[in-house]
Protein backbone atom coordinates (compact mmCIF):
# COMPACT_ATOMS: atom_id res chain seq x y z
CA MET A 1 -15.10 8.18 18.00
CA PRO A 2 -18.55 9.70 17.35
CA ASP A 3 -21.40 7.29 16.65
CA ALA A 4 -23.25 9.56 14.20
CA ILE A 5 -22.45 10.01 10.47
CA ALA A 6 -21.48 13.53 9.68
CA PRO A 7 -23.68 15.34 7.15
CA GLY A 8 -22.45 14.76 3.70
CA ALA A 9 -20.20 11.99 4.75
CA PRO A 10 -20.12 9.04 2.26
CA LEU A 11 -21.93 5.86 3.37
CA ALA A 12 -19.94 2.76 4.08
CA ALA A 13 -18.41 1.16 1.09
CA PRO A 14 -20.40 -1.80 -0.44
CA GLY A 15 -19.61 -5.22 1.00
CA PRO A 16 -17.97 -7.81 -1.14
CA SER A 17 -21.26 -9.43 -2.14
CA GLU A 18 -22.54 -6.05 -3.46
CA ILE A 19 -19.72 -5.04 -5.87
CA ALA A 20 -19.79 -5.92 -9.43
CA ASP A 21 -18.02 -9.08 -10.77
CA ALA A 22 -15.41 -7.08 -12.96
CA THR A 23 -14.68 -4.76 -9.93
CA LEU A 24 -14.20 -7.74 -7.60
CA VAL A 25 -11.83 -9.44 -10.08
CA ALA A 26 -9.94 -6.14 -10.73
CA HIS A 27 -9.55 -5.69 -6.97
CA LEU A 28 -8.33 -9.17 -6.51
CA THR A 29 -5.79 -9.16 -9.32
CA GLN A 30 -4.58 -5.47 -9.11
CA LEU A 31 -4.56 -5.04 -5.35
CA HIS A 32 -3.86 -8.45 -3.94
CA HIS A 33 -2.21 -10.34 -6.71
CA GLY A 34 -0.38 -7.22 -7.81
CA TYR A 35 0.95 -6.66 -4.24
CA ALA A 36 1.95 -10.32 -3.69
CA ARG A 37 3.66 -10.53 -7.06
CA SER A 38 5.86 -7.43 -6.33
CA ALA A 39 6.45 -8.25 -2.58
CA LEU A 40 7.39 -11.88 -2.96
CA PRO A 41 10.81 -11.36 -4.62
CA TYR A 42 11.74 -8.69 -2.07
CA VAL A 43 10.53 -10.97 0.73
CA LEU A 44 12.44 -13.91 -0.58
CA SER A 45 15.63 -11.80 -0.89
CA LEU A 46 15.18 -10.55 2.78
CA LEU A 47 14.57 -14.10 3.97
CA ALA A 48 17.89 -15.33 2.33
CA LYS A 49 19.83 -12.30 3.66
CA VAL A 50 18.56 -12.41 7.20
CA SER A 51 18.75 -16.23 7.35
CA GLY A 52 22.34 -16.22 6.00
CA PHE A 53 23.58 -13.53 8.29
CA HIS A 54 21.73 -14.47 11.60
CA ARG A 55 21.25 -18.19 11.37
CA ARG A 56 23.71 -18.77 14.31
CA ARG A 57 21.64 -16.58 16.58
CA ASN A 58 18.24 -17.91 15.56
CA ALA A 59 18.15 -21.65 14.56
CA LYS A 60 14.60 -21.12 13.07
CA LEU A 61 15.81 -18.85 10.33
CA PRO A 62 16.77 -21.46 7.74
CA ALA A 63 13.32 -23.09 8.15
CA LEU A 64 11.65 -19.72 7.99
CA CYS A 65 13.49 -19.18 4.69
CA GLU A 66 12.30 -22.46 3.38
CA ALA A 67 8.79 -21.87 4.67
CA GLY A 68 8.73 -18.56 3.02
CA GLU A 69 9.73 -20.08 -0.30
CA ASP A 70 7.01 -22.75 0.07
CA LEU A 71 4.51 -20.03 0.64
CA ALA A 72 5.69 -17.97 -2.27
CA GLY A 73 5.44 -21.01 -4.54
CA ALA A 74 1.83 -22.00 -3.28
CA LEU A 75 0.69 -18.35 -3.48
CA GLU A 76 2.09 -17.94 -7.11
CA ALA A 77 0.43 -21.16 -8.24
CA HIS A 78 -2.88 -20.10 -6.55
CA MET A 79 -2.84 -16.67 -8.24
CA ASP A 80 -1.97 -18.21 -11.61
CA ASP A 81 -4.78 -20.72 -11.20
CA VAL A 82 -7.55 -18.35 -10.36
CA GLU A 83 -6.50 -16.01 -13.00
CA ALA A 84 -6.58 -18.63 -15.64
CA HIS A 85 -9.77 -20.53 -14.63
CA LEU A 86 -12.05 -19.04 -12.09
CA PHE A 87 -11.86 -15.28 -12.83
CA PRO A 88 -12.64 -15.90 -16.64
CA ALA A 89 -15.52 -18.25 -15.60
CA LEU A 90 -16.91 -15.45 -13.30
CA LEU A 91 -16.58 -12.78 -15.98
CA ALA A 92 -18.12 -14.99 -18.75
CA GLY A 93 -21.28 -15.00 -16.71
CA ASP A 94 -22.01 -18.60 -17.81
CA PRO A 95 -19.90 -21.02 -15.63
CA ARG A 96 -21.73 -24.14 -16.62
CA ARG A 97 -18.56 -26.18 -17.18
CA ALA A 98 -18.54 -29.42 -15.37
CA ALA A 99 -15.07 -28.72 -14.08
CA LEU A 100 -16.23 -25.73 -12.12
CA HIS A 101 -17.10 -27.74 -9.19
CA ARG A 102 -13.70 -29.29 -9.09
CA GLU A 103 -12.11 -25.86 -9.53
CA LEU A 104 -13.99 -24.43 -6.46
CA GLY A 105 -12.96 -27.46 -4.39
CA ARG A 106 -9.34 -27.05 -5.45
CA LEU A 107 -9.48 -23.37 -4.63
CA GLN A 108 -10.77 -24.21 -1.17
CA ARG A 109 -8.02 -26.72 -0.56
CA ARG A 110 -5.56 -24.12 -1.67
CA HIS A 111 -6.94 -21.70 0.82
CA GLY A 112 -6.40 -24.20 3.59
CA GLU A 113 -2.83 -24.83 2.33
CA LEU A 114 -1.99 -21.13 2.27
CA ALA A 115 -3.37 -20.70 5.78
CA LEU A 116 -1.09 -23.44 6.99
CA TYR A 117 1.87 -21.89 5.25
CA LEU A 118 1.03 -18.55 6.84
CA ALA A 119 0.75 -20.09 10.23
CA ARG A 120 4.10 -21.83 9.85
CA VAL A 121 5.84 -18.57 8.67
CA ARG A 122 4.22 -16.68 11.66
CA TRP A 123 5.40 -19.39 14.10
CA LEU A 124 8.94 -19.52 12.70
CA ALA A 125 9.05 -15.73 12.66
CA ASP A 126 8.21 -15.70 16.36
CA GLU A 127 5.02 -13.66 15.74
CA PHE A 128 7.10 -11.22 13.70
CA ALA A 129 9.05 -10.16 16.73
CA VAL A 130 12.39 -8.53 16.14
CA PRO A 131 15.04 -9.43 18.67
CA SER A 132 17.34 -6.77 20.07
CA TRP A 133 20.18 -7.88 17.82
CA GLY A 134 18.00 -7.96 14.66
CA GLY A 135 18.94 -4.91 12.84
CA ARG A 136 17.26 -3.05 9.96
CA SER A 137 17.05 -5.98 7.49
CA TYR A 138 15.45 -8.27 10.24
CA GLN A 139 12.99 -5.50 10.98
CA ALA A 140 12.14 -5.05 7.33
CA LEU A 141 11.59 -8.85 6.92
CA MET A 142 9.25 -9.07 9.84
CA GLU A 143 7.28 -6.04 8.59
CA GLU A 144 6.99 -7.49 5.10
CA LEU A 145 6.10 -10.94 6.29
CA GLU A 146 3.30 -9.44 8.44
CA ALA A 147 2.09 -7.21 5.59
CA LEU A 148 2.10 -10.23 3.23
CA GLU A 149 0.14 -12.29 5.77
CA GLU A 150 -2.46 -9.55 6.09
CA HIS A 151 -2.97 -9.23 2.31
CA VAL A 152 -3.21 -13.03 1.75
CA LEU A 153 -5.74 -13.41 4.59
CA GLU A 154 -7.86 -10.56 3.03
CA HIS A 155 -7.47 -12.13 -0.28
CA ILE A 156 -8.71 -15.48 0.96
CA HIS A 157 -11.63 -13.85 2.81
CA LEU A 158 -12.79 -12.08 -0.40
CA GLU A 159 -12.58 -15.28 -2.47
CA ARG A 160 -14.35 -17.28 0.16
CA HIS A 161 -17.09 -14.76 0.77
CA ALA A 162 -17.52 -13.05 -2.54
CA LEU A 163 -16.08 -15.15 -5.32
CA PHE A 164 -17.19 -18.65 -4.23
CA PRO A 165 -20.92 -17.69 -3.46
CA ARG A 166 -21.15 -16.01 -6.92
CA LEU A 167 -19.71 -18.95 -8.80
CA SER A 168 -21.60 -21.43 -6.64
CA SER A 169 -25.00 -19.75 -7.21
CA ARG A 170 -24.42 -19.45 -10.98
CA ARG A 171 -23.18 -23.00 -11.47
CA GLN A 172 -25.75 -25.17 -13.18
CA PRO A 173 -25.74 -28.90 -13.17
CA SER A 174 -24.08 -30.33 -16.31
């Protein structure tokens, strides 16, 4: 891979702290929330199918199914919460509400919870490895779980490193 930038090539995309508030919110809601909201029903149906069919071969599958349901519930609650409270505060440009500090604290705790759910799913899914007897549904489930993990971790990263600093720097004492 060459070290030099080719003439006329675009420069690197702006970092999370350099993009406009509305662009950040749109990115989080459309890309990450949109992806999760469309992927979760499919992932949950695959979890039920694979767990039901292969539970005798892999005793972790019922627990994986339950962990996936827990992750889905926590992720949906998280997305609903930020869309109802933090994103409007950011876009309003005047987040002076006394509750903002509590909202940021709650969001940070939710990030920790989501990370724990993701780690549990990864462990129960044996690092997303497909056994030789797994079949197409098993393969699809592992691919979907890994993609969901990637999206959620990027989502958390953007909220921690772009959303939090913006709201924290604009928060004024009440």
